[in-house]
Every structure is written in structure tokens, then in C-alpha cells.
PDB file of all heavy atoms in Angstrom:
ATOM      1  N   ALA A   1     276.264  16.663 -35.701  1.00  0.00           N
ATOM      2  CA  ALA A   1     275.432  17.013 -36.866  1.00  0.00           C
ATOM      3  C   ALA A   1     276.092  18.148 -37.642  1.00  0.00           C
ATOM      4  O   ALA A   1     276.523  19.146 -37.073  1.00  0.00           O
ATOM      5  CB  ALA A   1     274.035  17.431 -36.434  1.00  0.00           C
ATOM      6  N   THR A   2     276.178  17.957 -38.958  1.00  0.00           N
ATOM      7  CA  THR A   2     276.822  18.969 -39.809  1.00  0.00           C
ATOM      8  C   THR A   2     275.821  19.580 -40.771  1.00  0.00           C
ATOM      9  O   THR A   2     274.768  19.030 -41.022  1.00  0.00           O
ATOM     10  CB  THR A   2     277.972  18.336 -40.626  1.00  0.00           C
ATOM     11  OG1 THR A   2     277.425  17.383 -41.535  1.00  0.00           O
ATOM     12  CG2 THR A   2     278.995  17.680 -39.735  1.00  0.00           C
ATOM     13  N   GLY A   3     276.215  20.713 -41.342  1.00  0.00           N
ATOM     14  CA  GLY A   3     275.461  21.326 -42.415  1.00  0.00           C
ATOM     15  C   GLY A   3     275.977  20.832 -43.743  1.00  0.00           C
ATOM     16  O   GLY A   3     276.638  19.791 -43.842  1.00  0.00           O
ATOM     17  N   PHE A   4     275.699  21.590 -44.774  1.00  0.00           N
ATOM     18  CA  PHE A   4     276.158  21.256 -46.097  1.00  0.00           C
ATOM     19  C   PHE A   4     277.596  21.763 -46.311  1.00  0.00           C
ATOM     20  O   PHE A   4     277.979  22.789 -45.750  1.00  0.00           O
ATOM     21  CB  PHE A   4     275.259  21.845 -47.175  1.00  0.00           C
ATOM     22  CG  PHE A   4     273.855  21.299 -47.128  1.00  0.00           C
ATOM     23  CD1 PHE A   4     272.802  22.082 -46.684  1.00  0.00           C
ATOM     24  CD2 PHE A   4     273.598  20.000 -47.531  1.00  0.00           C
ATOM     25  CE1 PHE A   4     271.515  21.578 -46.643  1.00  0.00           C
ATOM     26  CE2 PHE A   4     272.315  19.487 -47.508  1.00  0.00           C
ATOM     27  CZ  PHE A   4     271.274  20.277 -47.061  1.00  0.00           C
ATOM     28  N   GLY A   5     278.345  21.056 -47.136  1.00  0.00           N
ATOM     29  CA  GLY A   5     279.678  21.532 -47.493  1.00  0.00           C
ATOM     30  C   GLY A   5     279.578  22.697 -48.473  1.00  0.00           C
ATOM     31  O   GLY A   5     278.543  22.909 -49.098  1.00  0.00           O
ATOM     32  N   ASN A   6     280.673  23.464 -48.625  1.00  0.00           N
ATOM     33  CA  ASN A   6     280.629  24.655 -49.469  1.00  0.00           C
ATOM     34  C   ASN A   6     281.411  24.514 -50.776  1.00  0.00           C
ATOM     35  O   ASN A   6     281.619  25.495 -51.467  1.00  0.00           O
ATOM     36  CB  ASN A   6     281.148  25.877 -48.687  1.00  0.00           C
ATOM     37  CG  ASN A   6     282.622  25.728 -48.348  1.00  0.00           C
ATOM     38  OD1 ASN A   6     283.262  24.727 -48.641  1.00  0.00           O
ATOM     39  ND2 ASN A   6     283.169  26.741 -47.688  1.00  0.00           N
ATOM     40  N   ALA A   7     281.836  23.304 -51.134  1.00  0.00           N
ATOM     41  CA  ALA A   7     282.572  23.122 -52.405  1.00  0.00           C
ATOM     42  C   ALA A   7     281.631  23.422 -53.574  1.00  0.00           C
ATOM     43  O   ALA A   7     280.534  22.901 -53.648  1.00  0.00           O
ATOM     44  CB  ALA A   7     283.095  21.702 -52.503  1.00  0.00           C
ATOM     45  N   PRO A   8     282.057  24.321 -54.466  1.00  0.00           N
ATOM     46  CA  PRO A   8     281.184  24.696 -55.591  1.00  0.00           C
ATOM     47  C   PRO A   8     280.968  23.536 -56.573  1.00  0.00           C
ATOM     48  O   PRO A   8     281.829  22.693 -56.749  1.00  0.00           O
ATOM     49  CB  PRO A   8     281.917  25.829 -56.296  1.00  0.00           C
ATOM     50  CG  PRO A   8     283.123  26.104 -55.495  1.00  0.00           C
ATOM     51  CD  PRO A   8     283.305  25.061 -54.472  1.00  0.00           C
ATOM     52  N   VAL A   9     279.846  23.554 -57.231  1.00  0.00           N
ATOM     53  CA  VAL A   9     279.551  22.601 -58.287  1.00  0.00           C
ATOM     54  C   VAL A   9     280.345  22.979 -59.523  1.00  0.00           C
ATOM     55  O   VAL A   9     280.447  24.145 -59.858  1.00  0.00           O
ATOM     56  CB  VAL A   9     278.038  22.592 -58.611  1.00  0.00           C
ATOM     57  CG1 VAL A   9     277.731  21.697 -59.784  1.00  0.00           C
ATOM     58  CG2 VAL A   9     277.236  22.164 -57.388  1.00  0.00           C
ATOM     59  N   GLY A  10     280.945  22.023 -60.186  1.00  0.00           N
ATOM     60  CA  GLY A  10     281.712  22.279 -61.412  1.00  0.00           C
ATOM     61  C   GLY A  10     283.050  22.954 -61.175  1.00  0.00           C
ATOM     62  O   GLY A  10     283.597  23.582 -62.051  1.00  0.00           O
ATOM     63  N   GLN A  11     283.602  22.782 -59.998  1.00  0.00           N
ATOM     64  CA  GLN A  11     284.880  23.435 -59.647  1.00  0.00           C
ATOM     65  C   GLN A  11     286.064  22.809 -60.357  1.00  0.00           C
ATOM     66  O   GLN A  11     287.046  23.484 -60.637  1.00  0.00           O
ATOM     67  CB  GLN A  11     285.075  23.336 -58.130  1.00  0.00           C
ATOM     68  CG  GLN A  11     286.317  23.980 -57.615  1.00  0.00           C
ATOM     69  CD  GLN A  11     286.420  23.900 -56.122  1.00  0.00           C
ATOM     70  OE1 GLN A  11     285.840  23.007 -55.511  1.00  0.00           O
ATOM     71  NE2 GLN A  11     287.159  24.816 -55.539  1.00  0.00           N
ATOM     72  N   ILE A  12     285.975  21.527 -60.691  1.00  0.00           N
ATOM     73  CA  ILE A  12     287.111  20.818 -61.254  1.00  0.00           C
ATOM     74  C   ILE A  12     286.773  20.380 -62.670  1.00  0.00           C
ATOM     75  O   ILE A  12     285.735  19.793 -62.936  1.00  0.00           O
ATOM     76  CB  ILE A  12     287.447  19.587 -60.399  1.00  0.00           C
ATOM     77  CG1 ILE A  12     287.833  20.044 -59.000  1.00  0.00           C
ATOM     78  CG2 ILE A  12     288.535  18.768 -61.023  1.00  0.00           C
ATOM     79  CD1 ILE A  12     287.930  18.951 -58.004  1.00  0.00           C
ATOM     80  N   ALA A  13     287.696  20.696 -63.581  1.00  0.00           N
ATOM     81  CA  ALA A  13     287.596  20.234 -64.971  1.00  0.00           C
ATOM     82  C   ALA A  13     288.644  19.145 -65.161  1.00  0.00           C
ATOM     83  O   ALA A  13     289.783  19.291 -64.739  1.00  0.00           O
ATOM     84  CB  ALA A  13     287.826  21.366 -65.935  1.00  0.00           C
ATOM     85  N   GLY A  14     288.257  18.059 -65.791  1.00  0.00           N
ATOM     86  CA  GLY A  14     289.179  16.938 -66.010  1.00  0.00           C
ATOM     87  C   GLY A  14     290.180  17.233 -67.083  1.00  0.00           C
ATOM     88  O   GLY A  14     290.236  18.347 -67.635  1.00  0.00           O
ATOM     89  N   PRO A  15     291.012  16.255 -67.422  1.00  0.00           N
ATOM     90  CA  PRO A  15     292.026  16.445 -68.460  1.00  0.00           C
ATOM     91  C   PRO A  15     291.400  16.770 -69.818  1.00  0.00           C
ATOM     92  O   PRO A  15     290.305  16.316 -70.129  1.00  0.00           O
ATOM     93  CB  PRO A  15     292.741  15.094 -68.527  1.00  0.00           C
ATOM     94  CG  PRO A  15     292.318  14.345 -67.321  1.00  0.00           C
ATOM     95  CD  PRO A  15     291.030  14.924 -66.848  1.00  0.00           C
ATOM     96  N   ASP A  16     292.083  17.593 -70.583  1.00  0.00           N
ATOM     97  CA  ASP A  16     291.609  17.958 -71.905  1.00  0.00           C
ATOM     98  C   ASP A  16     291.569  16.739 -72.834  1.00  0.00           C
ATOM     99  O   ASP A  16     292.346  15.805 -72.670  1.00  0.00           O
ATOM    100  CB  ASP A  16     292.517  19.009 -72.525  1.00  0.00           C
ATOM    101  CG  ASP A  16     292.465  20.343 -71.801  1.00  0.00           C
ATOM    102  OD1 ASP A  16     291.447  20.597 -71.148  1.00  0.00           O
ATOM    103  OD2 ASP A  16     293.452  21.079 -71.868  1.00  0.00           O
ATOM    104  N   GLN A  17     290.680  16.797 -73.780  1.00  0.00           N
ATOM    105  CA  GLN A  17     290.614  15.770 -74.804  1.00  0.00           C
ATOM    106  C   GLN A  17     291.279  16.335 -76.056  1.00  0.00           C
ATOM    107  O   GLN A  17     290.988  17.453 -76.477  1.00  0.00           O
ATOM    108  CB  GLN A  17     289.167  15.409 -75.107  1.00  0.00           C
ATOM    109  CG  GLN A  17     288.428  14.846 -73.916  1.00  0.00           C
ATOM    110  CD  GLN A  17     288.937  13.490 -73.510  1.00  0.00           C
ATOM    111  OE1 GLN A  17     289.052  12.602 -74.330  1.00  0.00           O
ATOM    112  NE2 GLN A  17     289.246  13.334 -72.237  1.00  0.00           N
ATOM    113  N   PHE A  18     292.189  15.581 -76.655  1.00  0.00           N
ATOM    114  CA  PHE A  18     292.891  16.024 -77.851  1.00  0.00           C
ATOM    115  C   PHE A  18     292.826  14.875 -78.828  1.00  0.00           C
ATOM    116  O   PHE A  18     293.460  13.844 -78.646  1.00  0.00           O
ATOM    117  CB  PHE A  18     294.354  16.360 -77.504  1.00  0.00           C
ATOM    118  CG  PHE A  18     295.147  16.822 -78.682  1.00  0.00           C
ATOM    119  CD1 PHE A  18     295.015  18.097 -79.176  1.00  0.00           C
ATOM    120  CD2 PHE A  18     296.042  15.973 -79.298  1.00  0.00           C
ATOM    121  CE1 PHE A  18     295.746  18.526 -80.257  1.00  0.00           C
ATOM    122  CE2 PHE A  18     296.779  16.376 -80.372  1.00  0.00           C
ATOM    123  CZ  PHE A  18     296.628  17.656 -80.865  1.00  0.00           C
ATOM    124  N   ASN A  19     292.038  15.062 -79.868  1.00  0.00           N
ATOM    125  CA  ASN A  19     291.819  13.966 -80.792  1.00  0.00           C
ATOM    126  C   ASN A  19     291.664  14.549 -82.213  1.00  0.00           C
ATOM    127  O   ASN A  19     290.832  15.415 -82.445  1.00  0.00           O
ATOM    128  CB  ASN A  19     290.528  13.210 -80.389  1.00  0.00           C
ATOM    129  CG  ASN A  19     290.360  11.934 -81.143  1.00  0.00           C
ATOM    130  OD1 ASN A  19     291.249  11.491 -81.874  1.00  0.00           O
ATOM    131  ND2 ASN A  19     289.225  11.296 -80.971  1.00  0.00           N
ATOM    132  N   ILE A  20     292.502  14.092 -83.134  1.00  0.00           N
ATOM    133  CA  ILE A  20     292.399  14.541 -84.521  1.00  0.00           C
ATOM    134  C   ILE A  20     292.121  13.332 -85.388  1.00  0.00           C
ATOM    135  O   ILE A  20     292.852  12.359 -85.443  1.00  0.00           O
ATOM    136  CB  ILE A  20     293.727  15.222 -84.949  1.00  0.00           C
ATOM    137  CG1 ILE A  20     293.931  16.490 -84.149  1.00  0.00           C
ATOM    138  CG2 ILE A  20     293.682  15.518 -86.453  1.00  0.00           C
ATOM    139  CD1 ILE A  20     295.187  17.233 -84.471  1.00  0.00           C
ATOM    140  N   ASP A  21     290.967  13.421 -86.095  1.00  0.00           N
ATOM    141  CA  ASP A  21     290.608  12.405 -87.075  1.00  0.00           C
ATOM    142  C   ASP A  21     290.944  12.966 -88.457  1.00  0.00           C
ATOM    143  O   ASP A  21     290.771  14.151 -88.711  1.00  0.00           O
ATOM    144  CB  ASP A  21     289.108  12.085 -87.001  1.00  0.00           C
ATOM    145  CG  ASP A  21     288.725  11.491 -85.657  1.00  0.00           C
ATOM    146  OD1 ASP A  21     289.596  10.914 -85.008  1.00  0.00           O
ATOM    147  OD2 ASP A  21     287.550  11.606 -85.277  1.00  0.00           O
ATOM    148  N   LEU A  22     291.427  12.106 -89.324  1.00  0.00           N
ATOM    149  CA  LEU A  22     291.923  12.544 -90.620  1.00  0.00           C
ATOM    150  C   LEU A  22     291.403  11.608 -91.718  1.00  0.00           C
ATOM    151  O   LEU A  22     291.345  10.404 -91.538  1.00  0.00           O
ATOM    152  CB  LEU A  22     293.447  12.514 -90.587  1.00  0.00           C
ATOM    153  CG  LEU A  22     294.226  13.056 -91.753  1.00  0.00           C
ATOM    154  CD1 LEU A  22     294.009  14.542 -91.894  1.00  0.00           C
ATOM    155  CD2 LEU A  22     295.713  12.793 -91.513  1.00  0.00           C
ATOM    156  N   ALA A  23     290.994  12.211 -92.821  1.00  0.00           N
ATOM    157  CA  ALA A  23     290.550  11.423 -93.987  1.00  0.00           C
ATOM    158  C   ALA A  23     291.224  11.988 -95.212  1.00  0.00           C
ATOM    159  O   ALA A  23     291.278  13.212 -95.404  1.00  0.00           O
ATOM    160  CB  ALA A  23     289.050  11.463 -94.138  1.00  0.00           C
ATOM    161  N   ILE A  24     291.760  11.120 -96.044  1.00  0.00           N
ATOM    162  CA  ILE A  24     292.378  11.487 -97.312  1.00  0.00           C
ATOM    163  C   ILE A  24     291.689  10.696 -98.395  1.00  0.00           C
ATOM    164  O   ILE A  24     291.549   9.474 -98.280  1.00  0.00           O
ATOM    165  CB  ILE A  24     293.901  11.217 -97.296  1.00  0.00           C
ATOM    166  CG1 ILE A  24     294.573  11.977 -96.159  1.00  0.00           C
ATOM    167  CG2 ILE A  24     294.524  11.563 -98.625  1.00  0.00           C
ATOM    168  CD1 ILE A  24     296.021  11.590 -95.966  1.00  0.00           C
ATOM    169  N   LEU A  25     291.283  11.374 -99.460  1.00  0.00           N
ATOM    170  CA  LEU A  25     290.643  10.646-100.541  1.00  0.00           C
ATOM    171  C   LEU A  25     290.998  11.263-101.884  1.00  0.00           C
ATOM    172  O   LEU A  25     291.367  12.419-102.005  1.00  0.00           O
ATOM    173  CB  LEU A  25     289.115  10.631-100.370  1.00  0.00           C
ATOM    174  CG  LEU A  25     288.356  11.949-100.424  1.00  0.00           C
ATOM    175  CD1 LEU A  25     287.764  12.141-101.807  1.00  0.00           C
ATOM    176  CD2 LEU A  25     287.267  11.895 -99.380  1.00  0.00           C
ATOM    177  N   LYS A  26     290.949  10.432-102.875  1.00  0.00           N
ATOM    178  CA  LYS A  26     291.149  10.841-104.267  1.00  0.00           C
ATOM    179  C   LYS A  26     290.061  10.175-105.081  1.00  0.00           C
ATOM    180  O   LYS A  26     289.860   8.957-105.037  1.00  0.00           O
ATOM    181  CB  LYS A  26     292.545  10.411-104.757  1.00  0.00           C
ATOM    182  CG  LYS A  26     292.800  10.733-106.212  1.00  0.00           C
ATOM    183  CD  LYS A  26     292.824  12.226-106.463  1.00  0.00           C
ATOM    184  CE  LYS A  26     293.126  12.502-107.920  1.00  0.00           C
ATOM    185  NZ  LYS A  26     292.992  13.876-108.290  1.00  0.00           N
ATOM    186  N   ARG A  27     289.329  10.995-105.867  1.00  0.00           N
ATOM    187  CA  ARG A  27     288.232  10.493-106.675  1.00  0.00           C
ATOM    188  C   ARG A  27     288.595  10.659-108.155  1.00  0.00           C
ATOM    189  O   ARG A  27     289.024  11.725-108.574  1.00  0.00           O
ATOM    190  CB  ARG A  27     286.973  11.265-106.345  1.00  0.00           C
ATOM    191  CG  ARG A  27     285.744  10.751-107.082  1.00  0.00           C
ATOM    192  CD  ARG A  27     284.474  11.444-106.642  1.00  0.00           C
ATOM    193  NE  ARG A  27     284.210  11.127-105.234  1.00  0.00           N
ATOM    194  CZ  ARG A  27     283.703  11.963-104.345  1.00  0.00           C
ATOM    195  NH1 ARG A  27     283.374  13.171-104.710  1.00  0.00           N
ATOM    196  NH2 ARG A  27     283.511  11.590-103.103  1.00  0.00           N
ATOM    197  N   PHE A  28     288.429   9.587-108.906  1.00  0.00           N
ATOM    198  CA  PHE A  28     288.684   9.608-110.347  1.00  0.00           C
ATOM    199  C   PHE A  28     287.366   9.412-111.074  1.00  0.00           C
ATOM    200  O   PHE A  28     286.589   8.514-110.723  1.00  0.00           O
ATOM    201  CB  PHE A  28     289.640   8.449-110.729  1.00  0.00           C
ATOM    202  CG  PHE A  28     290.995   8.549-110.083  1.00  0.00           C
ATOM    203  CD1 PHE A  28     291.262   7.851-108.912  1.00  0.00           C
ATOM    204  CD2 PHE A  28     291.988   9.309-110.658  1.00  0.00           C
ATOM    205  CE1 PHE A  28     292.485   7.921-108.329  1.00  0.00           C
ATOM    206  CE2 PHE A  28     293.228   9.386-110.066  1.00  0.00           C
ATOM    207  CZ  PHE A  28     293.496   8.695-108.913  1.00  0.00           C
ATOM    208  N   ARG A  29     287.141  10.228-112.062  1.00  0.00           N
ATOM    209  CA  ARG A  29     285.969  10.076-112.901  1.00  0.00           C
ATOM    210  C   ARG A  29     286.217   8.964-113.894  1.00  0.00           C
ATOM    211  O   ARG A  29     287.303   8.846-114.451  1.00  0.00           O
ATOM    212  CB  ARG A  29     285.714  11.383-113.659  1.00  0.00           C
ATOM    213  CG  ARG A  29     284.279  11.776-113.740  1.00  0.00           C
ATOM    214  CD  ARG A  29     284.077  13.167-114.271  1.00  0.00           C
ATOM    215  NE  ARG A  29     284.987  13.528-115.375  1.00  0.00           N
ATOM    216  CZ  ARG A  29     284.680  13.437-116.654  1.00  0.00           C
ATOM    217  NH1 ARG A  29     283.498  12.989-117.004  1.00  0.00           N
ATOM    218  NH2 ARG A  29     285.543  13.794-117.579  1.00  0.00           N
ATOM    219  N   LEU A  30     285.249   8.121-114.113  1.00  0.00           N
ATOM    220  CA  LEU A  30     285.357   7.036-115.095  1.00  0.00           C
ATOM    221  C   LEU A  30     284.454   7.364-116.278  1.00  0.00           C
ATOM    222  O   LEU A  30     283.281   7.044-116.288  1.00  0.00           O
ATOM    223  CB  LEU A  30     284.951   5.697-114.460  1.00  0.00           C
ATOM    224  CG  LEU A  30     285.793   5.230-113.278  1.00  0.00           C
ATOM    225  CD1 LEU A  30     285.196   3.966-112.683  1.00  0.00           C
ATOM    226  CD2 LEU A  30     287.233   5.019-113.702  1.00  0.00           C
ATOM    227  N   PRO A  31     285.009   7.998-117.320  1.00  0.00           N
ATOM    228  CA  PRO A  31     284.158   8.439-118.431  1.00  0.00           C
ATOM    229  C   PRO A  31     283.577   7.280-119.249  1.00  0.00           C
ATOM    230  O   PRO A  31     282.502   7.428-119.833  1.00  0.00           O
ATOM    231  CB  PRO A  31     285.097   9.289-119.282  1.00  0.00           C
ATOM    232  CG  PRO A  31     286.473   8.852-118.898  1.00  0.00           C
ATOM    233  CD  PRO A  31     286.404   8.350-117.490  1.00  0.00           C
ATOM    234  N   PHE A  32     284.242   6.165-119.264  1.00  0.00           N
ATOM    235  CA  PHE A  32     283.740   5.050-120.089  1.00  0.00           C
ATOM    236  C   PHE A  32     282.595   4.311-119.437  1.00  0.00           C
ATOM    237  O   PHE A  32     281.895   3.553-120.089  1.00  0.00           O
ATOM    238  CB  PHE A  32     284.886   4.076-120.434  1.00  0.00           C
ATOM    239  CG  PHE A  32     285.555   3.490-119.207  1.00  0.00           C
ATOM    240  CD1 PHE A  32     285.031   2.372-118.597  1.00  0.00           C
ATOM    241  CD2 PHE A  32     286.697   4.054-118.708  1.00  0.00           C
ATOM    242  CE1 PHE A  32     285.641   1.833-117.487  1.00  0.00           C
ATOM    243  CE2 PHE A  32     287.320   3.505-117.602  1.00  0.00           C
ATOM    244  CZ  PHE A  32     286.801   2.391-116.991  1.00  0.00           C
ATOM    245  N   ALA A  33     282.363   4.512-118.131  1.00  0.00           N
ATOM    246  CA  ALA A  33     281.294   3.768-117.431  1.00  0.00           C
ATOM    247  C   ALA A  33     280.035   4.593-117.238  1.00  0.00           C
ATOM    248  O   ALA A  33     279.142   4.180-116.546  1.00  0.00           O
ATOM    249  CB  ALA A  33     281.841   3.306-116.091  1.00  0.00           C
ATOM    250  N   GLY A  34     279.965   5.751-117.776  1.00  0.00           N
ATOM    251  CA  GLY A  34     278.774   6.586-117.621  1.00  0.00           C
ATOM    252  C   GLY A  34     279.098   7.882-116.890  1.00  0.00           C
ATOM    253  O   GLY A  34     280.165   8.022-116.295  1.00  0.00           O
ATOM    254  N   GLU A  35     278.166   8.825-116.936  1.00  0.00           N
ATOM    255  CA  GLU A  35     278.413  10.129-116.370  1.00  0.00           C
ATOM    256  C   GLU A  35     278.595  10.117-114.851  1.00  0.00           C
ATOM    257  O   GLU A  35     279.392  10.875-114.324  1.00  0.00           O
ATOM    258  CB  GLU A  35     277.217  11.057-116.691  1.00  0.00           C
ATOM    259  CG  GLU A  35     277.435  11.917-117.875  1.00  0.00           C
ATOM    260  CD  GLU A  35     276.270  12.834-118.103  1.00  0.00           C
ATOM    261  OE1 GLU A  35     275.763  13.418-117.130  1.00  0.00           O
ATOM    262  OE2 GLU A  35     275.870  12.988-119.268  1.00  0.00           O
ATOM    263  N   ALA A  36     277.880   9.299-114.139  1.00  0.00           N
ATOM    264  CA  ALA A  36     277.883   9.331-112.682  1.00  0.00           C
ATOM    265  C   ALA A  36     278.840   8.312-112.077  1.00  0.00           C
ATOM    266  O   ALA A  36     278.774   8.051-110.886  1.00  0.00           O
ATOM    267  CB  ALA A  36     276.484   9.091-112.157  1.00  0.00           C
ATOM    268  N   SER A  37     279.746   7.745-112.821  1.00  0.00           N
ATOM    269  CA  SER A  37     280.623   6.685-112.292  1.00  0.00           C
ATOM    270  C   SER A  37     281.933   7.313-111.823  1.00  0.00           C
ATOM    271  O   SER A  37     282.545   8.145-112.470  1.00  0.00           O
ATOM    272  CB  SER A  37     280.900   5.655-113.370  1.00  0.00           C
ATOM    273  OG  SER A  37     279.708   5.011-113.758  1.00  0.00           O
ATOM    274  N   ASN A  38     282.343   6.864-110.636  1.00  0.00           N
ATOM    275  CA  ASN A  38     283.583   7.318-110.019  1.00  0.00           C
ATOM    276  C   ASN A  38     284.347   6.136-109.446  1.00  0.00           C
ATOM    277  O   ASN A  38     283.760   5.112-109.081  1.00  0.00           O
ATOM    278  CB  ASN A  38     283.303   8.276-108.871  1.00  0.00           C
ATOM    279  CG  ASN A  38     282.688   9.562-109.319  1.00  0.00           C
ATOM    280  OD1 ASN A  38     283.132  10.172-110.264  1.00  0.00           O
ATOM    281  ND2 ASN A  38     281.619   9.967-108.625  1.00  0.00           N
ATOM    282  N   LEU A  39     285.636   6.303-109.316  1.00  0.00           N
ATOM    283  CA  LEU A  39     286.483   5.375-108.598  1.00  0.00           C
ATOM    284  C   LEU A  39     287.126   6.173-107.480  1.00  0.00           C
ATOM    285  O   LEU A  39     287.704   7.233-107.746  1.00  0.00           O
ATOM    286  CB  LEU A  39     287.554   4.758-109.509  1.00  0.00           C
ATOM    287  CG  LEU A  39     288.561   3.826-108.829  1.00  0.00           C
ATOM    288  CD1 LEU A  39     287.845   2.602-108.271  1.00  0.00           C
ATOM    289  CD2 LEU A  39     289.635   3.425-109.815  1.00  0.00           C
ATOM    290  N   GLU A  40     286.979   5.705-106.229  1.00  0.00           N
ATOM    291  CA  GLU A  40     287.467   6.492-105.113  1.00  0.00           C
ATOM    292  C   GLU A  40     288.443   5.660-104.265  1.00  0.00           C
ATOM    293  O   GLU A  40     288.156   4.517-103.905  1.00  0.00           O
ATOM    294  CB  GLU A  40     286.272   6.934-104.234  1.00  0.00           C
ATOM    295  CG  GLU A  40     286.639   7.786-103.049  1.00  0.00           C
ATOM    296  CD  GLU A  40     285.421   8.258-102.296  1.00  0.00           C
ATOM    297  OE1 GLU A  40     284.759   9.200-102.790  1.00  0.00           O
ATOM    298  OE2 GLU A  40     285.130   7.686-101.232  1.00  0.00           O
TER     299      GLU A  40
END
């Protein structure tokens, strides 16, 4: 019969996460189609 083990909770951290998301956009105003019109 054994007791409880003594390994701490949260002792091991897994591999790091490295993730870069990127967005590039260019918006053009369309003056001939009205004030709120854009081309993106």
C-alpha cells in the first residue's frame, strides 16, 4: 500500500506556441459611387 506521490501540479510546461497571423489591405475610395463606397 502506497501514499500519494509528491510530483507538483503544473510542473511541466509544453512546447511554446509561435504563430503570427498577418493581414495586408488597401482601401480605395470610390467618389463616383457615393460617399460610403469603397473598393478593398
